[in-house]
PDB file of all heavy atoms in Angstrom:
ATOM      1  N   ASN A   1     115.686  84.482 103.645  1.00  0.00           N
ATOM      2  CA  ASN A   1     114.588  83.515 103.680  1.00  0.00           C
ATOM      3  C   ASN A   1     114.010  83.206 102.298  1.00  0.00           C
ATOM      4  O   ASN A   1     112.935  82.611 102.195  1.00  0.00           O
ATOM      5  CB  ASN A   1     113.475  84.044 104.597  1.00  0.00           C
ATOM      6  CG  ASN A   1     113.900  84.107 106.050  1.00  0.00           C
ATOM      7  OD1 ASN A   1     113.937  83.098 106.740  1.00  0.00           O
ATOM      8  ND2 ASN A   1     114.251  85.295 106.517  1.00  0.00           N
ATOM      9  N   ALA A   2     114.734  83.596 101.240  1.00  0.00           N
ATOM     10  CA  ALA A   2     114.325  83.326  99.850  1.00  0.00           C
ATOM     11  C   ALA A   2     112.881  83.752  99.587  1.00  0.00           C
ATOM     12  O   ALA A   2     112.102  83.042  98.938  1.00  0.00           O
ATOM     13  CB  ALA A   2     114.495  81.841  99.540  1.00  0.00           C
ATOM     14  N   ASN A   3     112.512  84.937 100.107  1.00  0.00           N
ATOM     15  CA  ASN A   3     111.158  85.478  99.956  1.00  0.00           C
ATOM     16  C   ASN A   3     111.159  86.443  98.766  1.00  0.00           C
ATOM     17  O   ASN A   3     111.433  87.635  98.905  1.00  0.00           O
ATOM     18  CB  ASN A   3     110.746  86.195 101.248  1.00  0.00           C
ATOM     19  CG  ASN A   3     109.282  86.610 101.250  1.00  0.00           C
ATOM     20  OD1 ASN A   3     108.678  86.776 100.188  1.00  0.00           O
ATOM     21  ND2 ASN A   3     108.722  86.780 102.425  1.00  0.00           N
ATOM     22  N   ASP A   4     110.862  85.918  97.574  1.00  0.00           N
ATOM     23  CA  ASP A   4     110.961  86.711  96.349  1.00  0.00           C
ATOM     24  C   ASP A   4     109.993  87.886  96.314  1.00  0.00           C
ATOM     25  O   ASP A   4     110.316  88.974  95.826  1.00  0.00           O
ATOM     26  CB  ASP A   4     110.715  85.818  95.125  1.00  0.00           C
ATOM     27  CG  ASP A   4     111.905  84.925  94.822  1.00  0.00           C
ATOM     28  OD1 ASP A   4     112.983  85.164  95.405  1.00  0.00           O
ATOM     29  OD2 ASP A   4     111.754  83.991  94.024  1.00  0.00           O
ATOM     30  N   PHE A   5     108.774  87.671  96.825  1.00  0.00           N
ATOM     31  CA  PHE A   5     107.767  88.730  96.782  1.00  0.00           C
ATOM     32  C   PHE A   5     108.226  89.943  97.582  1.00  0.00           C
ATOM     33  O   PHE A   5     108.189  91.084  97.098  1.00  0.00           O
ATOM     34  CB  PHE A   5     106.432  88.222  97.322  1.00  0.00           C
ATOM     35  CG  PHE A   5     105.358  89.276  97.349  1.00  0.00           C
ATOM     36  CD1 PHE A   5     104.695  89.642  96.183  1.00  0.00           C
ATOM     37  CD2 PHE A   5     105.010  89.915  98.534  1.00  0.00           C
ATOM     38  CE1 PHE A   5     103.713  90.624  96.199  1.00  0.00           C
ATOM     39  CE2 PHE A   5     104.033  90.894  98.561  1.00  0.00           C
ATOM     40  CZ  PHE A   5     103.382  91.243  97.391  1.00  0.00           C
ATOM     41  N   GLU A   6     108.661  89.720  98.833  1.00  0.00           N
ATOM     42  CA  GLU A   6     109.090  90.831  99.672  1.00  0.00           C
ATOM     43  C   GLU A   6     110.434  91.396  99.219  1.00  0.00           C
ATOM     44  O   GLU A   6     110.714  92.576  99.425  1.00  0.00           O
ATOM     45  CB  GLU A   6     109.156  90.398 101.145  1.00  0.00           C
ATOM     46  CG  GLU A   6     107.818  90.044 101.750  1.00  0.00           C
ATOM     47  CD  GLU A   6     106.794  91.186 101.690  1.00  0.00           C
ATOM     48  OE1 GLU A   6     107.208  92.361 101.587  1.00  0.00           O
ATOM     49  OE2 GLU A   6     105.587  90.902 101.740  1.00  0.00           O
ATOM     50  N   LYS A   7     111.246  90.560  98.589  1.00  0.00           N
ATOM     51  CA  LYS A   7     112.498  91.068  98.011  1.00  0.00           C
ATOM     52  C   LYS A   7     112.181  92.097  96.923  1.00  0.00           C
ATOM     53  O   LYS A   7     112.808  93.153  96.848  1.00  0.00           O
ATOM     54  CB  LYS A   7     113.315  89.909  97.429  1.00  0.00           C
ATOM     55  CG  LYS A   7     114.647  90.341  96.814  1.00  0.00           C
ATOM     56  CD  LYS A   7     115.399  89.156  96.237  1.00  0.00           C
ATOM     57  CE  LYS A   7     116.680  89.610  95.541  1.00  0.00           C
ATOM     58  NZ  LYS A   7     117.423  88.478  94.933  1.00  0.00           N
ATOM     59  N   SER A   8     111.185  91.771  96.093  1.00  0.00           N
ATOM     60  CA  SER A   8     110.772  92.687  95.035  1.00  0.00           C
ATOM     61  C   SER A   8     110.254  93.997  95.621  1.00  0.00           C
ATOM     62  O   SER A   8     110.595  95.088  95.161  1.00  0.00           O
ATOM     63  CB  SER A   8     109.680  92.037  94.178  1.00  0.00           C
ATOM     64  OG  SER A   8     109.142  92.956  93.255  1.00  0.00           O
ATOM     65  N   ARG A   9     109.446  93.900  96.674  1.00  0.00           N
ATOM     66  CA  ARG A   9     108.922  95.109  97.332  1.00  0.00           C
ATOM     67  C   ARG A   9     110.055  95.962  97.895  1.00  0.00           C
ATOM     68  O   ARG A   9     110.060  97.192  97.757  1.00  0.00           O
ATOM     69  CB  ARG A   9     107.983  94.728  98.472  1.00  0.00           C
ATOM     70  CG  ARG A   9     106.603  94.277  98.053  1.00  0.00           C
ATOM     71  CD  ARG A   9     105.735  94.079  99.281  1.00  0.00           C
ATOM     72  NE  ARG A   9     105.397  95.349  99.919  1.00  0.00           N
ATOM     73  CZ  ARG A   9     105.024  95.469 101.187  1.00  0.00           C
ATOM     74  NH1 ARG A   9     104.957  94.406 101.972  1.00  0.00           N
ATOM     75  NH2 ARG A   9     104.728  96.652 101.694  1.00  0.00           N
ATOM     76  N   ALA A  10     111.020  95.299  98.524  1.00  0.00           N
ATOM     77  CA  ALA A  10     112.134  96.028  99.133  1.00  0.00           C
ATOM     78  C   ALA A  10     112.976  96.732  98.073  1.00  0.00           C
ATOM     79  O   ALA A  10     113.411  97.872  98.265  1.00  0.00           O
ATOM     80  CB  ALA A  10     113.005  95.076  99.957  1.00  0.00           C
ATOM     81  N   ILE A  11     113.181  96.058  96.949  1.00  0.00           N
ATOM     82  CA  ILE A  11     113.948  96.665  95.855  1.00  0.00           C
ATOM     83  C   ILE A  11     113.221  97.924  95.354  1.00  0.00           C
ATOM     84  O   ILE A  11     113.834  98.976  95.143  1.00  0.00           O
ATOM     85  CB  ILE A  11     114.144  95.662  94.697  1.00  0.00           C
ATOM     86  CG1 ILE A  11     115.098  94.534  95.123  1.00  0.00           C
ATOM     87  CG2 ILE A  11     114.686  96.357  93.448  1.00  0.00           C
ATOM     88  CD1 ILE A  11     115.155  93.372  94.150  1.00  0.00           C
ATOM     89  N   GLY A  12     111.898  97.825  95.185  1.00  0.00           N
ATOM     90  CA  GLY A  12     111.103  98.978  94.752  1.00  0.00           C
ATOM     91  C   GLY A  12     111.135 100.108  95.765  1.00  0.00           C
ATOM     92  O   GLY A  12     111.259 101.280  95.410  1.00  0.00           O
ATOM     93  N   ASN A  13     111.032  99.760  97.049  1.00  0.00           N
ATOM     94  CA  ASN A  13     111.075 100.775  98.101  1.00  0.00           C
ATOM     95  C   ASN A  13     112.425 101.494  98.122  1.00  0.00           C
ATOM     96  O   ASN A  13     112.496 102.709  98.332  1.00  0.00           O
ATOM     97  CB  ASN A  13     110.805 100.141  99.472  1.00  0.00           C
ATOM     98  CG  ASN A  13     109.362  99.704  99.630  1.00  0.00           C
ATOM     99  OD1 ASN A  13     108.493 100.130  98.873  1.00  0.00           O
ATOM    100  ND2 ASN A  13     109.102  98.850 100.596  1.00  0.00           N
ATOM    101  N   MET A  14     113.503 100.724  97.927  1.00  0.00           N
ATOM    102  CA  MET A  14     114.837 101.318  97.926  1.00  0.00           C
ATOM    103  C   MET A  14     114.982 102.299  96.758  1.00  0.00           C
ATOM    104  O   MET A  14     115.591 103.367  96.887  1.00  0.00           O
ATOM    105  CB  MET A  14     115.905 100.226  97.842  1.00  0.00           C
ATOM    106  CG  MET A  14     117.323 100.732  98.066  1.00  0.00           C
ATOM    107  SD  MET A  14     117.566 101.382  99.742  1.00  0.00           S
ATOM    108  CE  MET A  14     117.757  99.853 100.643  1.00  0.00           C
ATOM    109  N   ALA A  15     114.417 101.933  95.619  1.00  0.00           N
ATOM    110  CA  ALA A  15     114.466 102.823  94.454  1.00  0.00           C
ATOM    111  C   ALA A  15     113.762 104.147  94.752  1.00  0.00           C
ATOM    112  O   ALA A  15     114.236 105.222  94.369  1.00  0.00           O
ATOM    113  CB  ALA A  15     113.816 102.135  93.252  1.00  0.00           C
ATOM    114  N   ILE A  16     112.627 104.081  95.444  1.00  0.00           N
ATOM    115  CA  ILE A  16     111.875 105.281  95.791  1.00  0.00           C
ATOM    116  C   ILE A  16     112.679 106.165  96.740  1.00  0.00           C
ATOM    117  O   ILE A  16     112.736 107.391  96.593  1.00  0.00           O
ATOM    118  CB  ILE A  16     110.514 104.902  96.424  1.00  0.00           C
ATOM    119  CG1 ILE A  16     109.607 104.269  95.361  1.00  0.00           C
ATOM    120  CG2 ILE A  16     109.831 106.126  97.032  1.00  0.00           C
ATOM    121  CD1 ILE A  16     108.362 103.614  95.914  1.00  0.00           C
ATOM    122  N   VAL A  17     113.330 105.536  97.719  1.00  0.00           N
ATOM    123  CA  VAL A  17     114.149 106.295  98.675  1.00  0.00           C
ATOM    124  C   VAL A  17     115.260 107.049  97.948  1.00  0.00           C
ATOM    125  O   VAL A  17     115.492 108.240  98.187  1.00  0.00           O
ATOM    126  CB  VAL A  17     114.747 105.357  99.753  1.00  0.00           C
ATOM    127  CG1 VAL A  17     115.806 106.086 100.574  1.00  0.00           C
ATOM    128  CG2 VAL A  17     113.645 104.831 100.671  1.00  0.00           C
ATOM    129  N   TYR A  18     115.963 106.355  97.035  1.00  0.00           N
ATOM    130  CA  TYR A  18     117.040 107.010  96.287  1.00  0.00           C
ATOM    131  C   TYR A  18     116.503 108.149  95.413  1.00  0.00           C
ATOM    132  O   TYR A  18     117.144 109.193  95.268  1.00  0.00           O
ATOM    133  CB  TYR A  18     117.790 105.995  95.421  1.00  0.00           C
ATOM    134  CG  TYR A  18     118.835 105.209  96.180  1.00  0.00           C
ATOM    135  CD1 TYR A  18     118.786 103.825  96.241  1.00  0.00           C
ATOM    136  CD2 TYR A  18     119.874 105.865  96.842  1.00  0.00           C
ATOM    137  CE1 TYR A  18     119.745 103.099  96.946  1.00  0.00           C
ATOM    138  CE2 TYR A  18     120.831 105.153  97.553  1.00  0.00           C
ATOM    139  CZ  TYR A  18     120.766 103.773  97.602  1.00  0.00           C
ATOM    140  OH  TYR A  18     121.709 103.076  98.303  1.00  0.00           O
ATOM    141  N   ALA A  19     115.322 107.943  94.856  1.00  0.00           N
ATOM    142  CA  ALA A  19     114.721 108.999  94.030  1.00  0.00           C
ATOM    143  C   ALA A  19     114.436 110.243  94.854  1.00  0.00           C
ATOM    144  O   ALA A  19     114.728 111.369  94.438  1.00  0.00           O
ATOM    145  CB  ALA A  19     113.434 108.493  93.379  1.00  0.00           C
ATOM    146  N   GLU A  20     113.872 110.052  96.027  1.00  0.00           N
ATOM    147  CA  GLU A  20     113.533 111.187  96.883  1.00  0.00           C
ATOM    148  C   GLU A  20     114.777 111.894  97.402  1.00  0.00           C
ATOM    149  O   GLU A  20     114.745 113.076  97.729  1.00  0.00           O
ATOM    150  CB  GLU A  20     112.653 110.723  98.055  1.00  0.00           C
ATOM    151  CG  GLU A  20     111.266 110.287  97.650  1.00  0.00           C
ATOM    152  CD  GLU A  20     110.439 111.429  97.069  1.00  0.00           C
ATOM    153  OE1 GLU A  20     110.752 112.598  97.354  1.00  0.00           O
ATOM    154  OE2 GLU A  20     109.488 111.153  96.324  1.00  0.00           O
ATOM    155  N   LYS A  21     115.883 111.164  97.503  1.00  0.00           N
ATOM    156  CA  LYS A  21     117.139 111.774  97.937  1.00  0.00           C
ATOM    157  C   LYS A  21     117.874 112.449  96.774  1.00  0.00           C
ATOM    158  O   LYS A  21     118.960 112.999  96.940  1.00  0.00           O
ATOM    159  CB  LYS A  21     118.040 110.721  98.584  1.00  0.00           C
ATOM    160  CG  LYS A  21     117.502 110.212  99.934  1.00  0.00           C
ATOM    161  CD  LYS A  21     118.331 109.086 100.482  1.00  0.00           C
ATOM    162  CE  LYS A  21     119.649 109.574 101.011  1.00  0.00           C
ATOM    163  NZ  LYS A  21     120.439 108.494 101.639  1.00  0.00           N
ATOM    164  N   GLY A  22     117.293 112.361  95.566  1.00  0.00           N
ATOM    165  CA  GLY A  22     117.879 113.010  94.399  1.00  0.00           C
ATOM    166  C   GLY A  22     118.948 112.198  93.701  1.00  0.00           C
ATOM    167  O   GLY A  22     119.612 112.685  92.787  1.00  0.00           O
ATOM    168  N   GLU A  23     119.119 110.931  94.099  1.00  0.00           N
ATOM    169  CA  GLU A  23     120.121 110.059  93.469  1.00  0.00           C
ATOM    170  C   GLU A  23     119.424 109.261  92.362  1.00  0.00           C
ATOM    171  O   GLU A  23     119.148 108.067  92.492  1.00  0.00           O
ATOM    172  CB  GLU A  23     120.764 109.145  94.525  1.00  0.00           C
ATOM    173  CG  GLU A  23     121.493 109.940  95.613  1.00  0.00           C
ATOM    174  CD  GLU A  23     122.123 109.040  96.669  1.00  0.00           C
ATOM    175  OE1 GLU A  23     122.626 107.949  96.314  1.00  0.00           O
ATOM    176  OE2 GLU A  23     122.100 109.432  97.847  1.00  0.00           O
ATOM    177  N   PHE A  24     119.158 109.958  91.240  1.00  0.00           N
ATOM    178  CA  PHE A  24     118.290 109.418  90.195  1.00  0.00           C
ATOM    179  C   PHE A  24     118.893 108.215  89.461  1.00  0.00           C
ATOM    180  O   PHE A  24     118.171 107.294  89.078  1.00  0.00           O
ATOM    181  CB  PHE A  24     117.934 110.521  89.197  1.00  0.00           C
ATOM    182  CG  PHE A  24     117.188 111.667  89.814  1.00  0.00           C
ATOM    183  CD1 PHE A  24     117.625 112.975  89.653  1.00  0.00           C
ATOM    184  CD2 PHE A  24     116.053 111.439  90.580  1.00  0.00           C
ATOM    185  CE1 PHE A  24     116.943 114.030  90.229  1.00  0.00           C
ATOM    186  CE2 PHE A  24     115.360 112.487  91.160  1.00  0.00           C
ATOM    187  CZ  PHE A  24     115.815 113.779  90.986  1.00  0.00           C
ATOM    188  N   LYS A  25     120.188 108.232  89.256  1.00  0.00           N
ATOM    189  CA  LYS A  25     120.823 107.122  88.539  1.00  0.00           C
ATOM    190  C   LYS A  25     120.694 105.830  89.340  1.00  0.00           C
ATOM    191  O   LYS A  25     120.329 104.773  88.809  1.00  0.00           O
ATOM    192  CB  LYS A  25     122.293 107.441  88.272  1.00  0.00           C
ATOM    193  CG  LYS A  25     122.968 106.443  87.339  1.00  0.00           C
ATOM    194  CD  LYS A  25     124.383 106.876  86.976  1.00  0.00           C
ATOM    195  CE  LYS A  25     125.018 105.842  86.043  1.00  0.00           C
ATOM    196  NZ  LYS A  25     126.411 106.209  85.698  1.00  0.00           N
ATOM    197  N   LYS A  26     120.978 105.918  90.636  1.00  0.00           N
ATOM    198  CA  LYS A  26     120.838 104.743  91.507  1.00  0.00           C
ATOM    199  C   LYS A  26     119.385 104.287  91.553  1.00  0.00           C
ATOM    200  O   LYS A  26     119.090 103.092  91.530  1.00  0.00           O
ATOM    201  CB  LYS A  26     121.311 105.074  92.925  1.00  0.00           C
ATOM    202  CG  LYS A  26     122.798 104.931  93.145  1.00  0.00           C
ATOM    203  CD  LYS A  26     123.118 105.079  94.626  1.00  0.00           C
ATOM    204  CE  LYS A  26     124.610 104.901  94.875  1.00  0.00           C
ATOM    205  NZ  LYS A  26     124.934 105.059  96.316  1.00  0.00           N
ATOM    206  N   SER A  27     118.481 105.269  91.630  1.00  0.00           N
ATOM    207  CA  SER A  27     117.056 104.957  91.694  1.00  0.00           C
ATOM    208  C   SER A  27     116.610 104.184  90.456  1.00  0.00           C
ATOM    209  O   SER A  27     115.902 103.172  90.549  1.00  0.00           O
ATOM    210  CB  SER A  27     116.248 106.243  91.828  1.00  0.00           C
ATOM    211  OG  SER A  27     114.874 105.964  91.807  1.00  0.00           O
ATOM    212  N   GLU A  28     117.026 104.637  89.278  1.00  0.00           N
ATOM    213  CA  GLU A  28     116.627 103.966  88.038  1.00  0.00           C
ATOM    214  C   GLU A  28     117.168 102.537  87.986  1.00  0.00           C
ATOM    215  O   GLU A  28     116.470 101.620  87.544  1.00  0.00           O
ATOM    216  CB  GLU A  28     117.123 104.755  86.825  1.00  0.00           C
ATOM    217  CG  GLU A  28     116.590 104.194  85.512  1.00  0.00           C
ATOM    218  CD  GLU A  28     116.877 105.086  84.324  1.00  0.00           C
ATOM    219  OE1 GLU A  28     117.867 105.845  84.382  1.00  0.00           O
ATOM    220  OE2 GLU A  28     116.130 105.029  83.347  1.00  0.00           O
ATOM    221  N   GLU A  29     118.397 102.337  88.455  1.00  0.00           N
ATOM    222  CA  GLU A  29     118.984 100.994  88.489  1.00  0.00           C
ATOM    223  C   GLU A  29     118.128 100.054  89.327  1.00  0.00           C
ATOM    224  O   GLU A  29     117.858  98.912  88.939  1.00  0.00           O
ATOM    225  CB  GLU A  29     120.410 101.053  89.055  1.00  0.00           C
ATOM    226  CG  GLU A  29     121.426 101.675  88.113  1.00  0.00           C
ATOM    227  CD  GLU A  29     122.777 101.902  88.782  1.00  0.00           C
ATOM    228  OE1 GLU A  29     122.944 101.478  89.955  1.00  0.00           O
ATOM    229  OE2 GLU A  29     123.675 102.496  88.151  1.00  0.00           O
ATOM    230  N   TRP A  30     117.674 100.549  90.491  1.00  0.00           N
ATOM    231  CA  TRP A  30     116.849  99.715  91.380  1.00  0.00           C
ATOM    232  C   TRP A  30     115.475  99.456  90.779  1.00  0.00           C
ATOM    233  O   TRP A  30     114.935  98.342  90.874  1.00  0.00           O
ATOM    234  CB  TRP A  30     116.726 100.378  92.750  1.00  0.00           C
ATOM    235  CG  TRP A  30     117.947 100.191  93.611  1.00  0.00           C
ATOM    236  CD1 TRP A  30     119.067 100.963  93.616  1.00  0.00           C
ATOM    237  CD2 TRP A  30     118.169  99.156  94.581  1.00  0.00           C
ATOM    238  NE1 TRP A  30     119.975 100.486  94.525  1.00  0.00           N
ATOM    239  CE2 TRP A  30     119.452  99.375  95.137  1.00  0.00           C
ATOM    240  CE3 TRP A  30     117.423  98.080  95.041  1.00  0.00           C
ATOM    241  CZ2 TRP A  30     119.993  98.550  96.118  1.00  0.00           C
ATOM    242  CZ3 TRP A  30     117.958  97.264  96.029  1.00  0.00           C
ATOM    243  CH2 TRP A  30     119.226  97.492  96.556  1.00  0.00           C
ATOM    244  N   PHE A  31     114.865 100.480  90.166  1.00  0.00           N
ATOM    245  CA  PHE A  31     113.555 100.296  89.538  1.00  0.00           C
ATOM    246  C   PHE A  31     113.620  99.279  88.394  1.00  0.00           C
ATOM    247  O   PHE A  31     112.740  98.416  88.258  1.00  0.00           O
ATOM    248  CB  PHE A  31     113.017 101.623  89.009  1.00  0.00           C
ATOM    249  CG  PHE A  31     112.310 102.456  90.029  1.00  0.00           C
ATOM    250  CD1 PHE A  31     112.562 103.817  90.136  1.00  0.00           C
ATOM    251  CD2 PHE A  31     111.373 101.889  90.889  1.00  0.00           C
ATOM    252  CE1 PHE A  31     111.912 104.594  91.073  1.00  0.00           C
ATOM    253  CE2 PHE A  31     110.712 102.657  91.840  1.00  0.00           C
ATOM    254  CZ  PHE A  31     110.991 104.013  91.931  1.00  0.00           C
ATOM    255  N   LEU A  32     114.639  99.383  87.546  1.00  0.00           N
ATOM    256  CA  LEU A  32     114.775  98.454  86.414  1.00  0.00           C
ATOM    257  C   LEU A  32     115.050  97.036  86.903  1.00  0.00           C
ATOM    258  O   LEU A  32     114.571  96.059  86.315  1.00  0.00           O
ATOM    259  CB  LEU A  32     115.892  98.922  85.478  1.00  0.00           C
ATOM    260  CG  LEU A  32     115.570 100.206  84.677  1.00  0.00           C
ATOM    261  CD1 LEU A  32     116.804 100.711  83.945  1.00  0.00           C
ATOM    262  CD2 LEU A  32     114.430  99.963  83.697  1.00  0.00           C
ATOM    263  N   LYS A  33     115.810  96.937  87.991  1.00  0.00           N
ATOM    264  CA  LYS A  33     116.074  95.635  88.607  1.00  0.00           C
ATOM    265  C   LYS A  33     114.764  95.012  89.106  1.00  0.00           C
ATOM    266  O   LYS A  33     114.496  93.830  88.899  1.00  0.00           O
ATOM    267  CB  LYS A  33     117.045  95.829  89.776  1.00  0.00           C
ATOM    268  CG  LYS A  33     117.472  94.561  90.496  1.00  0.00           C
ATOM    269  CD  LYS A  33     118.454  94.925  91.615  1.00  0.00           C
ATOM    270  CE  LYS A  33     118.859  93.682  92.395  1.00  0.00           C
ATOM    271  NZ  LYS A  33     119.781  94.011  93.512  1.00  0.00           N
ATOM    272  N   ASP A  34     113.929  95.848  89.728  1.00  0.00           N
ATOM    273  CA  ASP A  34     112.637  95.384  90.240  1.00  0.00           C
ATOM    274  C   ASP A  34     111.696  95.016  89.094  1.00  0.00           C
ATOM    275  O   ASP A  34     110.972  94.021  89.152  1.00  0.00           O
ATOM    276  CB  ASP A  34     112.013  96.481  91.104  1.00  0.00           C
ATOM    277  CG  ASP A  34     110.832  95.975  91.921  1.00  0.00           C
ATOM    278  OD1 ASP A  34     110.762  94.758  92.164  1.00  0.00           O
ATOM    279  OD2 ASP A  34     109.992  96.802  92.324  1.00  0.00           O
ATOM    280  N   LEU A  35     111.700  95.821  88.008  1.00  0.00           N
ATOM    281  CA  LEU A  35     110.848  95.548  86.854  1.00  0.00           C
ATOM    282  C   LEU A  35     111.206  94.209  86.219  1.00  0.00           C
ATOM    283  O   LEU A  35     110.317  93.402  85.894  1.00  0.00           O
ATOM    284  CB  LEU A  35     110.991  96.679  85.823  1.00  0.00           C
ATOM    285  CG  LEU A  35     110.138  96.555  84.558  1.00  0.00           C
ATOM    286  CD1 LEU A  35     108.657  96.549  84.883  1.00  0.00           C
ATOM    287  CD2 LEU A  35     110.460  97.695  83.584  1.00  0.00           C
TER     288      LEU A  35
END
């Protein structure tokens, strides 16, 4: 639906999930993408 705001939120949330699972490299990629 080309919803940029919620896309940004979802990208940030995914980064947090990967961080909590200990997959730090993937998490950083998602955080930098969101930034």
